[in-house]
């Protein structure tokens, strides 16, 4: 047909659908049709948003002042509270003018790359990576440069690996700890070394800290903002900490000129985030961390159970995650071997086979840049967790 007849632009046509949301949608559709599907796909806590946060939103919905447009960059009191919360939780001191409130963490990711990148600029992207990062980078004209890690290092990248990938076109290091999809958490000395390296080479560091409070055992979350110099953008939100994935409130923190530019972009994209959701977020970040403490203890228990059960399956290698709420086992040992008469050549086929045969939804490693793995969220009930992994174990044992 030629370009004149193309219905969708090349730029948008090149975007891959969110694989994690696609898997979740397929699992939910099967469930709605009455199938006993267990879904390990979605990255969201199975807890309700705490009551006191919901009540604040109900009260806000009744106030006419929240029925009107408010400043694009966020309610002033919320920007102040986010700055205070950032100092409290990571020791990183910022002013309210350095905060932009966004429609979830995803808009913060998009805004950051759209604001920082010119066509051809390279971004160092540690793989496995969250499925949205490369799409946001490419939409901004940037080039994702993958730095691949595997289970032998616990999915942690080294300064040496990053340096080997750096070129004169590298503009940004994307740093994520705790990590989605692997649950990897960098030790404080490694965070400091990577931050100092990025600063030394004049790179921007974009750090996604959405899982900051979900760390387990002896692991600690350290913000790279302390050592990466002035060129730092911090991404975060209330979604994971307060079980508020559906409320869509995130934020971007950075130098005031970058935040002003990102705010200009948002003024044309979405304007202000829903005021009712902003008031809910204000209540969340102004309060204590008891809600996340309760979730964390449940997640820690499930984390240990998931690792134990997965390690019992022949052909599966499962490092122990130290943060977030995902396990990322290698399933290379299950590829190319018959499972109930079917064989999977790659982890995408394996995920489909598992869904078809035992009605368990997992996300294949292809979605995260590393085929040969699957991601399972353990943010679901203990019984479902044991039942779901048990079905996979039985599938392998029966074959």
Protein backbone atom coordinates (compact mmCIF):
# COMPACT_ATOMS: atom_id res chain seq x y z
CA UNK A 1 0.00 0.00 0.00
CA UNK A 2 2.91 2.35 0.60
CA UNK A 3 3.22 4.97 3.32
CA UNK A 4 0.28 7.04 2.04
CA UNK A 5 -2.04 4.16 2.83
CA UNK A 6 -0.60 3.26 6.25
CA UNK A 7 -3.23 3.56 8.96
CA UNK A 8 -0.82 3.81 11.90
CA UNK A 9 2.38 5.84 12.16
CA UNK A 10 5.70 4.00 12.12
CA UNK A 11 6.47 5.47 15.54
CA UNK A 12 3.35 4.04 17.18
CA UNK A 13 3.25 0.92 15.04
CA UNK A 14 6.64 -0.05 16.45
CA UNK A 15 5.38 -0.14 20.05
CA UNK A 16 5.04 -3.62 21.49
CA UNK A 17 1.93 -4.26 23.58
CA UNK A 18 2.69 -4.52 27.29
CA UNK A 19 3.29 -8.25 27.60
CA UNK A 20 2.59 -8.25 31.33
CA UNK A 21 -0.82 -6.63 30.83
CA UNK A 22 -1.55 -8.95 27.88
CA UNK A 23 -0.86 -12.06 29.97
CA UNK A 24 -2.98 -10.66 32.79
CA UNK A 25 -5.84 -9.87 30.38
CA UNK A 26 -5.78 -13.40 28.90
CA UNK A 27 -5.79 -14.95 32.36
CA UNK A 28 -8.67 -12.72 33.50
CA UNK A 29 -10.67 -13.56 30.37
CA UNK A 30 -10.27 -17.28 31.04
CA UNK A 31 -11.20 -16.74 34.68
CA UNK A 32 -14.30 -14.80 33.64
CA UNK A 33 -15.24 -17.75 31.44
CA UNK A 34 -15.25 -19.92 34.55
CA UNK A 35 -11.79 -21.45 34.28
CA UNK A 36 -9.78 -21.94 37.51
CA UNK A 37 -6.87 -19.86 36.27
CA UNK A 38 -4.16 -18.74 38.68
CA UNK A 39 -2.48 -15.57 37.44
CA UNK A 40 1.12 -14.77 38.34
CA UNK A 41 1.20 -12.02 35.73
CA UNK A 42 0.21 -8.71 37.27
CA UNK A 43 2.59 -6.55 39.24
CA UNK A 44 0.16 -5.40 41.88
CA UNK A 45 -0.40 -6.15 45.56
CA UNK A 46 -3.44 -8.29 46.34
CA UNK A 47 -4.27 -6.05 49.31
CA UNK A 48 -6.96 -3.34 49.23
CA UNK A 49 -5.89 0.29 49.57
CA UNK A 50 -5.91 1.13 53.31
CA UNK A 51 -9.26 2.49 54.56
CA UNK A 52 -7.94 5.84 55.79
CA UNK A 53 -6.64 6.62 52.29
CA UNK A 54 -9.95 5.67 50.68
CA UNK A 55 -11.86 7.84 53.19
CA UNK A 56 -9.69 10.85 52.32
CA UNK A 57 -10.56 10.36 48.66
CA UNK A 58 -14.29 10.09 49.42
CA UNK A 59 -14.14 13.37 51.35
CA UNK A 60 -12.17 15.04 48.54
CA UNK A 61 -14.74 13.97 45.95
CA UNK A 62 -17.36 16.01 47.87
CA UNK A 63 -15.31 19.23 47.80
CA UNK A 64 -16.07 21.49 44.82
CA UNK A 65 -12.51 22.87 44.79
CA UNK A 66 -11.34 19.45 43.61
CA UNK A 67 -13.86 19.48 40.76
CA UNK A 68 -11.75 22.10 38.92
CA UNK A 69 -8.43 22.23 37.12
CA UNK A 70 -5.44 22.40 39.46
CA UNK A 71 -1.76 23.10 38.66
CA UNK A 72 -0.32 20.69 36.08
CA UNK A 73 2.68 19.79 38.23
CA UNK A 74 0.49 18.67 41.14
CA UNK A 75 -1.31 20.01 44.18
CA UNK A 76 1.25 22.22 45.98
CA UNK A 77 0.67 20.41 49.27
CA UNK A 78 1.27 17.03 47.59
CA UNK A 79 4.53 18.22 45.98
CA UNK A 80 5.67 19.41 49.44
CA UNK A 81 4.67 16.10 51.01
CA UNK A 82 6.52 14.09 48.34
CA UNK A 83 9.68 16.15 48.96
CA UNK A 84 9.33 15.49 52.72
CA UNK A 85 8.67 11.79 52.18
CA UNK A 86 11.72 11.50 49.91
CA UNK A 87 13.95 12.97 52.62
CA UNK A 88 12.38 10.71 55.26
CA UNK A 89 12.67 7.48 53.27
CA UNK A 90 15.92 7.82 51.33
CA UNK A 91 17.70 10.80 52.91
CA UNK A 92 17.65 12.65 49.58
CA UNK A 93 16.81 16.34 50.03
CA UNK A 94 14.73 18.05 47.31
CA UNK A 95 12.40 21.04 47.12
CA UNK A 96 8.73 20.97 46.08
CA UNK A 97 9.66 22.74 42.82
CA UNK A 98 11.68 19.65 41.89
CA UNK A 99 8.59 17.40 41.99
CA UNK A 100 6.14 16.68 39.14
CA UNK A 101 3.07 14.59 39.98
CA UNK A 102 2.22 12.19 37.15
CA UNK A 103 -0.51 9.75 36.12
CA UNK A 104 1.16 6.74 37.66
CA UNK A 105 4.81 5.75 37.52
CA UNK A 106 4.50 5.05 33.79
CA UNK A 107 3.88 8.68 32.91
CA UNK A 108 6.89 9.64 35.02
CA UNK A 109 9.00 7.19 32.98
CA UNK A 110 7.67 8.57 29.70
CA UNK A 111 8.10 12.21 30.79
CA UNK A 112 11.67 11.58 31.93
CA UNK A 113 12.88 10.11 28.66
CA UNK A 114 10.89 12.52 26.48
CA UNK A 115 12.47 15.41 28.38
CA UNK A 116 16.07 14.13 28.50
CA UNK A 117 16.60 12.43 25.14
CA UNK A 118 17.30 13.67 21.63
CA UNK A 119 17.19 11.28 18.66
CA UNK A 120 20.16 8.90 18.75
CA UNK A 121 20.94 9.40 22.45
CA UNK A 122 21.75 6.07 24.09
CA UNK A 123 20.35 4.77 27.38
CA UNK A 124 22.09 1.99 29.30
CA UNK A 125 19.34 -0.47 30.16
CA UNK A 126 20.15 -3.41 32.44
CA UNK A 127 18.35 -6.56 31.30
CA UNK A 128 16.13 -8.19 32.45
CA UNK A 129 14.19 -4.90 32.42
CA UNK A 130 10.62 -3.84 32.99
CA UNK A 131 8.78 -4.10 29.71
CA UNK A 132 7.85 -0.39 29.45
CA UNK A 133 11.36 1.07 29.65
CA UNK A 134 12.60 0.33 26.10
CA UNK A 135 9.31 1.49 24.59
CA UNK A 136 9.46 4.84 26.41
CA UNK A 137 13.11 5.28 25.39
CA UNK A 138 12.38 4.52 21.73
CA UNK A 139 9.31 6.79 21.66
CA UNK A 140 11.61 9.64 22.73
CA UNK A 141 13.97 8.84 19.85
CA UNK A 142 16.49 7.24 22.16
CA UNK A 143 18.37 3.98 21.67
CA UNK A 144 18.20 1.38 24.44
CA UNK A 145 21.60 -0.31 24.91
CA UNK A 146 21.07 -3.53 26.80
CA UNK A 147 23.49 -4.65 29.50
CA UNK A 148 22.52 -8.27 30.00
CA UNK A 149 22.73 -9.99 33.40
CA UNK A 150 21.74 -13.51 34.39
CA UNK A 151 21.08 -15.72 37.40
CA UNK A 152 24.79 -16.33 38.05
CA UNK A 153 25.22 -12.74 39.31
CA UNK A 154 21.77 -12.54 40.86
CA UNK A 155 20.87 -10.27 37.89
CA UNK A 156 23.21 -7.49 39.09
CA UNK A 157 25.23 -5.41 36.62
CA UNK A 158 28.79 -4.31 37.40
CA UNK A 159 30.53 -1.02 36.70
CA UNK A 160 32.76 -2.95 34.28
CA UNK A 161 29.74 -4.13 32.28
CA UNK A 162 28.27 -0.64 32.20
CA UNK A 163 31.59 0.89 31.15
CA UNK A 164 31.92 -1.67 28.33
CA UNK A 165 28.51 -0.57 27.00
CA UNK A 166 29.18 3.18 27.28
CA UNK A 167 29.89 5.15 24.09
CA UNK A 168 30.18 8.83 23.25
CA UNK A 169 26.44 8.72 22.51
CA UNK A 170 25.48 7.46 25.99
CA UNK A 171 23.38 10.08 27.77
CA UNK A 172 21.45 8.20 30.46
CA UNK A 173 21.93 5.30 32.85
CA UNK A 174 18.62 3.76 33.92
CA UNK A 175 19.10 2.30 37.41
CA UNK A 176 16.45 0.15 39.11
CA UNK A 177 16.83 -1.33 42.59
CA UNK A 178 14.80 -3.18 43.83
CA UNK A 179 14.24 -4.56 40.32
CA UNK A 180 11.18 -5.56 38.39
CA UNK A 181 11.25 -8.32 37.06
CA UNK A 182 14.06 -9.99 39.03
CA UNK A 183 13.71 -8.71 42.59
CA UNK A 184 17.45 -7.96 42.60
CA UNK A 185 18.69 -5.35 45.10
CA UNK A 186 22.12 -3.74 44.77
CA UNK A 187 24.31 -3.55 47.88
CA UNK A 188 24.97 0.00 49.16
CA UNK A 189 28.64 -0.07 48.10
CA UNK A 190 27.68 -1.14 44.56
CA UNK A 191 25.04 1.59 44.32
CA UNK A 192 27.66 4.14 45.40
CA UNK A 193 30.21 2.85 42.88
CA UNK A 194 27.73 2.89 39.98
CA UNK A 195 26.51 6.38 40.92
CA UNK A 196 30.06 7.71 41.11
CA UNK A 197 30.86 6.13 37.73
CA UNK A 198 27.81 7.75 36.08
CA UNK A 199 28.71 11.13 37.60
CA UNK A 200 32.35 10.82 36.53
CA UNK A 201 31.30 10.33 32.90
CA UNK A 202 28.73 13.14 32.90
CA UNK A 203 25.77 10.80 32.44
CA UNK A 204 22.23 11.42 33.59
CA UNK A 205 20.97 8.79 36.02
CA UNK A 206 17.26 7.96 35.95
CA UNK A 207 16.45 5.86 39.00
CA UNK A 208 13.11 4.08 39.43
CA UNK A 209 12.49 3.68 43.17
CA UNK A 210 8.88 2.44 43.06
CA UNK A 211 9.77 -0.71 45.09
CA UNK A 212 11.87 1.16 47.66
CA UNK A 213 10.03 -0.24 50.70
CA UNK A 214 9.81 -3.85 49.51
CA UNK A 215 13.16 -5.32 50.57
CA UNK A 216 13.70 -8.48 52.60
CA UNK A 217 16.20 -10.25 54.80
CA UNK A 218 19.45 -8.34 55.12
CA UNK A 219 18.93 -6.29 51.96
CA UNK A 220 18.71 -2.50 52.15
CA UNK A 221 17.51 -0.05 49.54
CA UNK A 222 20.00 2.76 48.88
CA UNK A 223 19.18 5.68 46.59
CA UNK A 224 21.74 6.23 43.84
CA UNK A 225 20.74 9.91 43.94
CA UNK A 226 23.31 10.43 46.72
CA UNK A 227 26.32 9.61 44.57
CA UNK A 228 25.23 10.23 40.96
CA UNK A 229 25.80 13.99 41.05
CA UNK A 230 23.44 16.77 39.94
CA UNK A 231 22.10 15.00 36.84
CA UNK A 232 19.61 12.72 38.60
CA UNK A 233 15.93 12.03 37.98
CA UNK A 234 14.05 9.95 40.57
CA UNK A 235 10.85 8.12 39.59
CA UNK A 236 8.43 6.84 42.20
CA UNK A 237 4.76 6.56 43.17
CA UNK A 238 2.24 5.27 45.67
CA UNK A 239 1.22 2.18 43.68
CA UNK A 240 3.29 -0.55 45.30
CA UNK A 241 3.85 0.91 48.77
CA UNK A 242 0.17 1.56 49.53
CA UNK A 243 -1.57 -0.96 47.23
CA UNK A 244 -2.78 1.89 44.99
CA UNK A 245 -1.99 0.62 41.48
CA UNK A 246 -5.38 1.72 40.13
CA UNK A 247 -5.28 5.23 41.58
CA UNK A 248 -2.59 6.32 39.07
CA UNK A 249 -0.37 8.66 41.06
CA UNK A 250 3.37 8.71 40.49
CA UNK A 251 6.01 11.41 40.43
CA UNK A 252 9.24 12.53 38.88
CA UNK A 253 11.92 14.39 40.85
CA UNK A 254 14.78 16.23 39.18
CA UNK A 255 16.51 19.57 38.58
CA UNK A 256 13.96 22.40 38.37
CA UNK A 257 14.61 23.13 34.67
CA UNK A 258 14.00 19.47 33.76
CA UNK A 259 10.86 19.34 35.90
CA UNK A 260 9.55 22.56 34.34
CA UNK A 261 10.13 21.12 30.85
CA UNK A 262 8.43 17.83 31.77
CA UNK A 263 5.54 19.81 33.25
CA UNK A 264 5.18 21.69 29.95
CA UNK A 265 4.93 18.33 28.17
CA UNK A 266 2.34 17.10 30.66
CA UNK A 267 0.34 20.32 30.26
CA UNK A 268 -0.37 19.24 26.67
CA UNK A 269 -0.65 15.50 27.34
CA UNK A 270 -2.91 15.15 30.39
CA UNK A 271 -2.91 18.34 32.51
CA UNK A 272 -3.23 17.65 36.24
CA UNK A 273 -3.60 14.19 37.72
CA UNK A 274 -7.10 13.50 39.10
CA UNK A 275 -7.47 15.65 42.21
CA UNK A 276 -9.28 12.94 44.15
CA UNK A 277 -6.39 10.55 43.52
CA UNK A 278 -3.88 13.26 44.46
CA UNK A 279 -5.61 13.79 47.83
CA UNK A 280 -5.51 10.03 48.41
CA UNK A 281 -1.78 10.07 47.60
CA UNK A 282 -1.25 13.05 49.92
CA UNK A 283 -2.82 11.07 52.75
CA UNK A 284 -0.66 8.06 51.90
CA UNK A 285 2.73 9.80 51.73
CA UNK A 286 1.98 12.02 54.75
CA UNK A 287 1.16 9.03 56.92
CA UNK A 288 3.33 6.31 58.36
CA UNK A 289 4.56 3.14 56.65
CA UNK A 290 2.49 0.64 58.64
CA UNK A 291 0.49 -0.38 55.55
CA UNK A 292 3.61 -1.43 53.67
CA UNK A 293 5.08 -3.12 56.76
CA UNK A 294 2.08 -5.44 56.89
CA UNK A 295 2.31 -6.20 53.16
CA UNK A 296 6.06 -6.72 53.36
CA UNK A 297 5.79 -9.45 55.97
CA UNK A 298 3.21 -11.31 53.84
CA UNK A 299 5.34 -10.86 50.70
CA UNK A 300 8.44 -12.10 52.53
CA UNK A 301 6.66 -15.29 53.56
CA UNK A 302 5.39 -15.84 50.01
CA UNK A 303 8.82 -15.04 48.56
CA UNK A 304 10.44 -17.81 50.56
CA UNK A 305 7.65 -20.25 49.71
CA UNK A 306 7.83 -19.45 45.98
CA UNK A 307 11.60 -19.95 45.87
CA UNK A 308 11.38 -23.21 47.80
CA UNK A 309 8.64 -24.64 45.55
CA UNK A 310 10.29 -23.53 42.30
CA UNK A 311 13.66 -24.99 43.30
CA UNK A 312 11.99 -28.38 43.73
CA UNK A 313 11.08 -28.49 40.01
CA UNK A 314 13.75 -30.27 37.92
CA UNK A 315 15.05 -27.98 35.17
CA UNK A 316 14.21 -24.75 37.04
CA UNK A 317 16.92 -22.55 38.56
CA UNK A 318 15.60 -19.87 40.90
CA UNK A 319 17.78 -17.19 42.53
CA UNK A 320 16.34 -15.74 45.72
CA UNK A 321 14.94 -12.25 45.11
CA UNK A 322 15.73 -9.64 47.76
CA UNK A 323 13.13 -7.04 46.82
CA UNK A 324 9.88 -6.20 44.99
CA UNK A 325 7.40 -9.10 44.70
CA UNK A 326 8.65 -11.21 41.81
CA UNK A 327 10.67 -14.36 41.26
CA UNK A 328 12.52 -14.72 37.98
CA UNK A 329 13.57 -18.35 37.54
CA UNK A 330 15.49 -19.74 34.60
CA UNK A 331 13.37 -22.32 32.75
CA UNK A 332 15.99 -23.16 30.12
CA UNK A 333 16.01 -26.71 31.47
CA UNK A 334 12.34 -27.15 30.47
CA UNK A 335 12.78 -26.05 26.86
CA UNK A 336 12.90 -28.60 24.06
CA UNK A 337 11.65 -31.44 26.25
CA UNK A 338 8.17 -32.97 26.06
CA UNK A 339 5.58 -31.70 28.53
CA UNK A 340 2.36 -33.70 28.13
CA UNK A 341 3.34 -34.42 24.57
CA UNK A 342 4.13 -30.80 23.67
CA UNK A 343 7.50 -29.13 23.51
CA UNK A 344 8.33 -25.45 23.89
CA UNK A 345 11.24 -24.05 21.90
CA UNK A 346 11.40 -20.86 23.96
CA UNK A 347 9.98 -19.34 27.14
CA UNK A 348 7.15 -17.57 25.26
CA UNK A 349 5.92 -20.94 23.98
CA UNK A 350 6.42 -22.44 27.43
CA UNK A 351 4.25 -19.75 29.04
CA UNK A 352 1.48 -20.52 26.53
CA UNK A 353 1.86 -24.25 27.13
CA UNK A 354 1.60 -23.75 30.92
CA UNK A 355 -1.52 -21.60 30.50
CA UNK A 356 -3.15 -24.13 28.14
CA UNK A 357 -2.25 -27.26 30.08
CA UNK A 358 -2.54 -26.30 33.75
CA UNK A 359 -4.25 -22.88 33.61
CA UNK A 360 -1.45 -20.95 35.25
CA UNK A 361 -0.39 -17.56 33.82
CA UNK A 362 3.28 -16.54 33.96
CA UNK A 363 5.07 -13.86 31.95
CA UNK A 364 7.81 -15.09 29.60
CA UNK A 365 11.31 -13.66 29.76
CA UNK A 366 10.97 -12.34 26.20
CA UNK A 367 8.91 -9.49 27.68
CA UNK A 368 11.89 -8.45 29.81
CA UNK A 369 14.67 -8.80 27.24
CA UNK A 370 15.97 -12.19 28.39
CA UNK A 371 14.39 -15.29 26.81
CA UNK A 372 14.72 -18.52 28.79
CA UNK A 373 13.12 -17.21 31.97
CA UNK A 374 9.64 -16.55 33.37
CA UNK A 375 8.43 -14.00 35.88
CA UNK A 376 6.00 -14.90 38.59
CA UNK A 377 4.52 -12.30 40.92
CA UNK A 378 4.06 -13.52 44.47
CA UNK A 379 1.65 -10.69 45.27
CA UNK A 380 -1.23 -13.15 45.44
CA UNK A 381 -2.73 -15.31 48.17
CA UNK A 382 -0.62 -18.02 49.79
CA UNK A 383 -2.98 -20.80 48.72
CA UNK A 384 -3.02 -19.67 45.09
CA UNK A 385 0.76 -19.37 45.16
CA UNK A 386 1.25 -22.95 46.33
CA UNK A 387 -1.47 -24.30 44.05
CA UNK A 388 -0.15 -22.47 40.98
CA UNK A 389 3.49 -23.54 41.34
CA UNK A 390 2.26 -27.00 42.31
CA UNK A 391 0.42 -27.28 38.99
CA UNK A 392 3.61 -26.38 37.11
CA UNK A 393 5.54 -28.96 39.16
CA UNK A 394 2.94 -31.61 38.33
CA UNK A 395 3.08 -30.71 34.62
CA UNK A 396 6.83 -31.31 34.67
CA UNK A 397 6.60 -34.45 36.85
CA UNK A 398 3.92 -36.01 34.61
CA UNK A 399 6.04 -35.63 31.50
